[in-house]
Protein backbone atom coordinates (compact mmCIF):
# COMPACT_ATOMS: atom_id res chain seq x y z
CA MET A 1 -97.09 -137.04 -182.84
CA ILE A 2 -95.59 -135.11 -179.95
CA TYR A 3 -97.40 -131.92 -178.47
CA SER A 4 -96.02 -129.01 -176.54
CA ARG A 5 -97.18 -125.98 -174.75
CA PHE A 6 -97.29 -122.93 -177.05
CA GLY A 7 -95.70 -120.22 -175.05
CA ASN A 8 -97.98 -118.59 -172.47
CA THR A 9 -101.30 -119.47 -174.29
CA GLY A 10 -102.14 -122.75 -172.67
CA LEU A 11 -102.32 -124.19 -176.20
CA LYS A 12 -100.82 -127.54 -177.07
CA LEU A 13 -99.42 -127.64 -180.51
CA SER A 14 -97.99 -130.42 -182.41
CA ARG A 15 -94.21 -130.23 -182.85
CA ILE A 16 -94.24 -129.75 -186.53
CA GLY A 17 -96.71 -127.19 -188.20
CA PHE A 18 -98.05 -127.28 -191.42
CA GLY A 19 -96.88 -124.47 -193.62
CA ALA A 20 -99.67 -123.51 -196.26
CA GLN A 21 -97.62 -121.15 -198.48
CA THR A 22 -97.54 -123.36 -201.34
CA ILE A 23 -101.25 -124.20 -201.46
CA GLY A 24 -102.90 -122.22 -204.51
CA TRP A 25 -99.37 -122.04 -206.03
CA SER A 26 -97.54 -125.44 -206.56
CA VAL A 27 -100.23 -127.28 -204.87
CA GLU A 28 -103.76 -127.22 -205.96
CA SER A 29 -106.95 -128.52 -204.21
CA LYS A 30 -106.73 -132.15 -204.78
CA GLU A 31 -103.05 -132.69 -203.63
CA ALA A 32 -103.82 -130.00 -200.96
CA PHE A 33 -106.53 -132.03 -199.54
CA SER A 34 -104.41 -135.24 -199.74
CA LEU A 35 -101.49 -133.43 -197.86
CA LEU A 36 -103.72 -131.82 -195.21
CA ASP A 37 -105.38 -135.46 -194.67
CA HIS A 38 -102.10 -137.00 -193.99
CA TYR A 39 -100.83 -134.29 -191.75
CA THR A 40 -103.85 -134.32 -189.46
CA GLU A 41 -104.10 -138.16 -189.58
CA ALA A 42 -100.54 -138.16 -188.30
CA GLY A 43 -101.54 -135.93 -185.45
CA GLY A 44 -100.74 -132.49 -186.74
CA ASN A 45 -102.84 -129.62 -185.52
CA TYR A 46 -101.48 -126.36 -186.50
CA ILE A 47 -101.95 -124.83 -190.02
CA ASP A 48 -100.18 -121.60 -190.87
CA LEU A 49 -101.58 -119.49 -193.63
CA ALA A 50 -101.54 -115.82 -194.72
CA ASP A 51 -104.06 -113.48 -196.48
CA SER A 52 -101.29 -112.70 -198.81
CA TYR A 53 -100.40 -116.28 -199.97
CA ASN A 54 -101.30 -116.66 -203.53
CA GLU A 55 -103.92 -113.87 -203.61
CA GLY A 56 -105.82 -115.69 -200.71
CA ARG A 57 -106.07 -118.96 -202.52
CA SER A 58 -104.06 -120.92 -199.89
CA GLU A 59 -106.69 -119.74 -197.17
CA GLU A 60 -109.62 -120.40 -199.76
CA ILE A 61 -108.59 -124.22 -200.38
CA THR A 62 -107.81 -124.80 -196.88
CA GLY A 63 -111.37 -123.49 -196.02
CA GLN A 64 -112.84 -125.61 -198.33
CA TRP A 65 -110.97 -128.71 -197.00
CA ILE A 66 -112.01 -127.58 -193.39
CA LYS A 67 -115.56 -127.27 -194.60
CA LYS A 68 -115.57 -130.76 -196.11
CA ARG A 69 -113.76 -132.47 -193.27
CA GLY A 70 -115.72 -130.88 -190.47
CA MET A 71 -112.83 -130.78 -188.08
CA ARG A 72 -112.41 -127.14 -187.27
CA GLU A 73 -112.37 -127.44 -183.40
CA ASP A 74 -109.61 -130.11 -183.74
CA LEU A 75 -107.23 -127.43 -185.38
CA VAL A 76 -105.31 -124.41 -184.47
CA LEU A 77 -105.51 -122.20 -187.46
CA GLY A 78 -103.10 -119.29 -187.73
CA SER A 79 -103.11 -116.52 -190.39
CA LYS A 80 -101.24 -113.04 -191.04
CA VAL A 81 -101.88 -109.68 -192.34
CA PHE A 82 -99.40 -106.98 -193.67
CA PHE A 83 -98.38 -107.51 -197.16
CA PRO A 84 -100.56 -106.45 -200.12
CA THR A 85 -103.78 -107.90 -200.88
CA GLY A 86 -104.84 -105.53 -203.79
CA LYS A 87 -103.96 -102.46 -205.62
CA GLY A 88 -105.56 -99.88 -203.32
CA PRO A 89 -103.56 -97.46 -201.23
CA ASN A 90 -104.96 -99.20 -198.02
CA GLU A 91 -104.89 -102.73 -198.66
CA SER A 92 -101.38 -103.21 -197.12
CA GLY A 93 -99.73 -102.31 -193.96
CA LEU A 94 -101.38 -102.68 -190.08
CA SER A 95 -103.76 -99.85 -190.23
CA ARG A 96 -106.78 -100.53 -188.51
CA LYS A 97 -108.97 -100.58 -191.75
CA HIS A 98 -106.48 -102.98 -193.18
CA ILE A 99 -106.27 -105.33 -190.46
CA ILE A 100 -110.21 -105.60 -189.80
CA ASP A 101 -110.92 -105.66 -193.63
CA SER A 102 -108.13 -108.43 -194.03
CA VAL A 103 -109.61 -110.62 -190.82
CA GLU A 104 -112.92 -110.72 -192.40
CA LYS A 105 -111.90 -111.67 -195.67
CA SER A 106 -109.76 -114.44 -194.14
CA LEU A 107 -112.64 -115.78 -192.04
CA THR A 108 -114.80 -116.05 -195.08
CA ARG A 109 -112.28 -117.80 -197.08
CA LEU A 110 -111.56 -120.11 -194.30
CA ASN A 111 -115.47 -120.94 -193.36
CA THR A 112 -114.79 -120.11 -189.94
CA ASP A 113 -115.85 -117.51 -187.31
CA TYR A 114 -112.53 -117.16 -185.62
CA ILE A 115 -108.86 -117.43 -186.22
CA ASP A 116 -107.01 -118.86 -183.40
CA LEU A 117 -103.58 -117.05 -183.99
CA TYR A 118 -103.58 -113.81 -186.25
CA GLN A 119 -100.01 -112.68 -187.03
CA LEU A 120 -98.56 -109.48 -187.75
CA HIS A 121 -96.58 -110.41 -190.90
CA CYS A 122 -93.92 -107.44 -190.53
CA TRP A 123 -93.00 -104.44 -188.61
CA ASP A 124 -95.07 -101.41 -189.89
CA ALA A 125 -93.06 -98.17 -189.23
CA LEU A 126 -95.92 -95.85 -190.26
CA THR A 127 -98.68 -97.04 -188.03
CA PRO A 128 -98.50 -96.35 -184.16
CA LEU A 129 -97.92 -99.06 -181.85
CA SER A 130 -100.78 -97.94 -179.77
CA GLU A 131 -103.22 -98.37 -182.83
CA ILE A 132 -102.05 -101.77 -183.77
CA SER A 133 -102.45 -103.07 -180.00
CA LEU A 134 -105.94 -101.55 -179.71
CA THR A 135 -106.98 -102.97 -182.96
CA MET A 136 -105.72 -106.48 -182.11
CA ASP A 137 -107.42 -106.05 -178.54
CA ILE A 138 -110.51 -105.14 -180.06
CA LEU A 139 -110.56 -108.28 -182.49
CA ILE A 140 -109.75 -110.65 -179.44
CA ARG A 141 -112.62 -109.05 -177.43
CA ALA A 142 -114.84 -109.31 -180.53
CA GLY A 143 -114.04 -113.23 -180.65
CA LYS A 144 -112.58 -112.72 -184.41
CA ILE A 145 -109.25 -113.97 -183.02
CA ARG A 146 -108.16 -115.97 -180.00
CA TYR A 147 -104.46 -114.80 -179.74
CA TYR A 148 -102.13 -112.58 -182.05
CA GLY A 149 -98.53 -112.90 -182.66
CA LEU A 150 -95.69 -111.10 -184.55
CA SER A 151 -93.71 -112.23 -187.62
CA ASN A 152 -90.46 -110.98 -188.77
CA TYR A 153 -89.91 -108.37 -186.05
CA THR A 154 -86.64 -107.39 -184.34
CA PRO A 155 -86.04 -107.84 -180.53
CA SER A 156 -86.61 -104.25 -179.92
CA GLN A 157 -89.48 -104.15 -181.98
CA ILE A 158 -90.87 -107.30 -180.15
CA SER A 159 -90.08 -105.62 -176.74
CA LYS A 160 -91.82 -102.16 -177.73
CA SER A 161 -94.92 -104.16 -178.79
CA ILE A 162 -95.31 -106.03 -175.48
CA TYR A 163 -94.69 -102.97 -173.19
CA THR A 164 -97.08 -100.76 -175.31
CA ALA A 165 -99.78 -103.38 -174.77
CA GLY A 166 -98.93 -103.52 -171.24
CA LEU A 167 -99.28 -99.71 -170.62
CA GLU A 168 -102.57 -99.57 -172.16
CA GLY A 169 -103.84 -102.67 -170.64
CA LEU A 170 -104.53 -104.45 -173.68
CA CYS A 171 -103.99 -108.01 -174.66
CA ARG A 172 -100.22 -108.71 -175.56
CA PRO A 173 -98.75 -110.55 -178.32
CA ALA A 174 -98.49 -114.37 -177.64
CA SER A 175 -96.12 -115.56 -180.10
CA VAL A 176 -93.27 -114.56 -182.57
CA GLN A 177 -92.77 -116.23 -185.90
CA LEU A 178 -89.03 -116.19 -187.35
CA GLU A 179 -86.71 -117.75 -189.62
CA TYR A 180 -84.47 -120.44 -188.16
CA SER A 181 -82.52 -123.11 -189.78
CA LEU A 182 -78.95 -124.46 -189.76
CA LEU A 183 -78.37 -121.82 -192.48
CA VAL A 184 -80.07 -119.19 -190.41
CA ARG A 185 -78.90 -119.13 -187.07
CA SER A 186 -78.96 -115.30 -186.08
CA SER A 187 -82.36 -115.68 -184.37
CA GLU A 188 -80.22 -117.21 -181.40
CA TRP A 189 -78.35 -113.87 -180.90
CA GLU A 190 -81.16 -112.04 -179.23
CA LEU A 191 -84.62 -113.16 -180.85
CA LEU A 192 -84.89 -116.42 -179.02
CA PRO A 193 -83.64 -114.93 -175.75
CA VAL A 194 -86.38 -112.27 -176.07
CA CYS A 195 -88.83 -114.92 -176.64
CA ASP A 196 -87.70 -116.68 -173.56
CA GLU A 197 -88.05 -113.66 -171.53
CA PHE A 198 -91.66 -112.91 -172.35
CA ASN A 199 -92.55 -116.52 -172.34
CA LEU A 200 -93.74 -116.21 -176.19
CA GLY A 201 -94.44 -119.30 -178.47
CA ILE A 202 -92.01 -119.49 -181.40
CA LEU A 203 -92.83 -120.73 -184.81
CA ALA A 204 -89.82 -121.19 -187.30
CA TRP A 205 -90.60 -120.66 -190.92
CA SER A 206 -88.14 -122.26 -193.61
CA PRO A 207 -86.79 -124.66 -191.34
CA LEU A 208 -85.16 -126.77 -194.43
CA SER A 209 -84.27 -123.09 -195.82
CA GLY A 210 -86.09 -123.50 -199.07
CA GLY A 211 -84.97 -127.15 -199.68
CA TRP A 212 -81.16 -126.49 -199.16
CA LEU A 213 -81.33 -128.70 -196.05
CA SER A 214 -83.29 -131.43 -197.53
CA GLY A 215 -80.65 -133.09 -199.31
CA LYS A 216 -81.56 -132.41 -202.73
CA TYR A 217 -78.76 -130.08 -203.56
CA ARG A 218 -75.26 -131.31 -203.73
CA ARG A 219 -71.67 -129.88 -204.50
CA ASP A 220 -70.98 -129.59 -208.28
CA GLU A 221 -74.58 -130.06 -209.35
CA SER A 222 -76.69 -127.73 -211.07
CA LEU A 223 -79.84 -126.49 -209.08
CA PRO A 224 -83.07 -128.08 -210.48
CA SER A 225 -84.91 -125.35 -212.52
CA ASP A 226 -88.05 -125.94 -210.88
CA SER A 227 -86.76 -125.68 -207.39
CA ARG A 228 -87.02 -122.76 -205.12
CA ALA A 229 -83.36 -122.41 -205.06
CA GLY A 230 -83.26 -122.69 -208.89
CA ILE A 231 -85.93 -119.92 -209.56
CA GLY A 232 -84.92 -117.88 -206.66
CA ASP A 233 -87.47 -116.80 -203.86
CA ARG A 234 -88.64 -113.29 -203.77
CA TRP A 235 -89.16 -113.61 -200.20
CA ASP A 236 -85.59 -114.80 -199.28
CA ASP A 237 -83.21 -112.09 -198.29
CA ASN A 238 -80.72 -114.41 -197.73
CA GLU A 239 -80.84 -116.10 -201.13
CA GLN A 240 -77.11 -114.64 -201.80
CA GLN A 241 -75.69 -116.53 -198.67
CA ARG A 242 -76.80 -119.86 -200.15
CA GLY A 243 -74.69 -122.23 -202.16
CA GLY A 244 -71.23 -121.22 -200.53
CA GLU A 245 -68.78 -123.41 -198.92
CA GLN A 246 -70.35 -123.52 -195.53
CA THR A 247 -73.87 -124.57 -196.98
CA TYR A 248 -72.11 -127.53 -198.79
CA SER A 249 -70.12 -128.20 -195.47
CA ILE A 250 -73.55 -128.27 -193.64
CA ILE A 251 -75.10 -130.63 -196.27
CA ASP A 252 -71.85 -132.94 -196.12
CA LYS A 253 -72.46 -133.28 -192.60
CA LEU A 254 -76.17 -133.99 -192.98
CA VAL A 255 -75.74 -136.39 -195.37
CA GLN A 256 -73.07 -138.30 -193.34
CA LEU A 257 -75.57 -138.28 -190.35
CA SER A 258 -78.39 -139.41 -192.82
CA ALA A 259 -76.31 -142.66 -193.37
CA LYS A 260 -75.56 -143.06 -189.61
CA TYR A 261 -79.32 -142.80 -188.58
CA GLY A 262 -80.65 -144.42 -191.62
CA ARG A 263 -83.13 -141.25 -191.97
CA PRO A 264 -83.78 -138.82 -194.79
CA VAL A 265 -81.59 -135.65 -194.83
CA SER A 266 -84.51 -133.50 -194.09
CA GLN A 267 -85.27 -135.22 -190.78
CA ILE A 268 -81.61 -134.86 -189.47
CA SER A 269 -82.08 -131.07 -190.24
CA LEU A 270 -85.62 -130.68 -188.44
CA ALA A 271 -84.32 -133.05 -185.60
CA TRP A 272 -81.58 -130.49 -184.94
CA LEU A 273 -83.86 -127.72 -184.78
CA LEU A 274 -86.31 -129.85 -182.54
CA LYS A 275 -83.61 -130.54 -180.00
CA LYS A 276 -82.57 -126.94 -179.81
CA LYS A 277 -85.75 -126.03 -177.78
CA PRO A 278 -88.65 -127.88 -176.85
CA ASP A 279 -90.92 -124.80 -177.31
CA ILE A 280 -90.17 -124.21 -181.07
CA PHE A 281 -92.33 -125.33 -183.68
CA PRO A 282 -90.96 -125.86 -187.32
CA LEU A 283 -93.48 -125.11 -190.14
CA ILE A 284 -92.90 -127.48 -193.17
CA GLY A 285 -94.58 -127.57 -196.32
CA ALA A 286 -95.00 -129.93 -199.19
CA ARG A 287 -94.85 -129.12 -202.88
CA LYS A 288 -96.82 -132.23 -204.23
CA THR A 289 -96.25 -135.67 -202.50
CA GLU A 290 -97.22 -137.10 -199.35
CA GLU A 291 -93.98 -139.00 -199.18
CA GLN A 292 -92.12 -135.63 -198.91
CA LEU A 293 -94.46 -134.72 -196.06
CA LYS A 294 -94.06 -138.15 -194.50
CA ASP A 295 -90.38 -137.89 -194.41
CA ASN A 296 -90.52 -134.58 -192.76
CA LEU A 297 -92.95 -135.54 -190.08
CA GLY A 298 -90.73 -138.44 -189.06
CA ALA A 299 -88.35 -136.13 -187.54
CA VAL A 300 -90.43 -135.87 -184.53
CA ASP A 301 -89.30 -139.08 -183.04
CA LEU A 302 -85.57 -138.74 -184.17
CA ALA A 303 -83.35 -138.02 -181.22
CA LEU A 304 -79.89 -136.76 -182.36
CA GLU A 305 -77.17 -137.83 -180.03
CA ASP A 306 -75.41 -134.79 -178.32
CA ASP A 307 -72.03 -135.30 -180.38
CA ASP A 308 -73.98 -135.25 -183.68
CA GLU A 309 -75.77 -131.95 -182.46
CA ALA A 310 -72.38 -130.26 -181.55
CA ALA A 311 -70.93 -131.38 -184.86
CA LEU A 312 -73.82 -129.61 -186.77
CA ASP A 313 -73.53 -126.51 -184.54
CA ALA A 314 -69.83 -126.30 -185.17
CA VAL A 315 -70.39 -126.74 -189.14
CA SER A 316 -73.21 -124.18 -189.00
CA ASN A 317 -71.64 -121.65 -186.72
CA PRO A 318 -71.99 -118.14 -188.44
CA GLY A 319 -69.78 -116.49 -185.91
CA LEU A 320 -71.01 -113.49 -183.63
CA PRO A 321 -71.27 -109.84 -184.70
CA TYR A 322 -70.73 -107.01 -182.62
CA PRO A 323 -71.86 -106.43 -179.56
CA TYR A 324 -72.37 -110.23 -179.22
CA SER A 325 -69.01 -111.20 -179.83
CA PHE A 326 -67.72 -108.61 -177.33
CA ILE A 327 -70.16 -109.62 -174.71
CA LYS A 328 -69.29 -113.24 -174.93
CA ARG A 329 -65.31 -112.52 -174.86
CA TYR A 330 -65.85 -110.85 -171.57
CA THR A 331 -68.74 -112.65 -169.88
CA ARG A 332 -66.14 -114.48 -167.61
CA TYR A 333 -65.67 -110.86 -165.80
CA ALA A 334 -69.38 -110.81 -164.79
């Protein structure tokens, strides 16, 4: 395993994190314990969860594993808050009540007295930023959380969050979790530059784009009925963009490079992302098998040649919307 510094926190995270969304859904306790054992034995130290994953089962099962293995201090645990955790009117969003209630429940499920990285899972337009910032500061000073981060925020919302915390003299966000892969590169337009500007840690969710970049989907083949692509992913706003000509052109190139390097397609996809920036941490999951997890972790020591990275850049280029296209065209005058 390779470790890199996580933004400005001083933490060292394994270059590949474990996304626990499938735990309690397609992966139950026995399989989850085996996958988490394999991940940590390979040197992985970051586990990413959320209070809303499978009605809390993801945190609960992970907490049982942590208690049984007794390795809490070796891990960096991340969880999130925002999405509904019940039917009550105050069981969602980023109100102080919901955040604090959710933290306490997550701590109980995880069998721990602190969460390393507590992330705001989505922008809340109904709660003042000053209230949210103060709540996170209170939790840090109380020792309930060590750092907090943002997830699924726009660049301007990230900037507002940081400046609001600074003006109030409060602890500022330490990280951003965003979607980034060969199929979703819009994060490059402004999100990644903003993270660089403020030295924020970057966690990349869905780096294999729901399985599209794992090599299991090919041209002129029906999508497996039990796959995320086959059943549709209710969290995937880009679902309608999958399966087009560009998608299959990317897959064709990945398959070609897989043969060249003698590595699984998923490793090529992850290696491309790992090479983009040394401080991006892809989050991978596994539905059932250790072999799938092992394949993905193997991307850590795969160094793509520059020409191959460029070829993947070219085939996956989404183009630039205005005003990014305008600025790029006339940068030569600066």
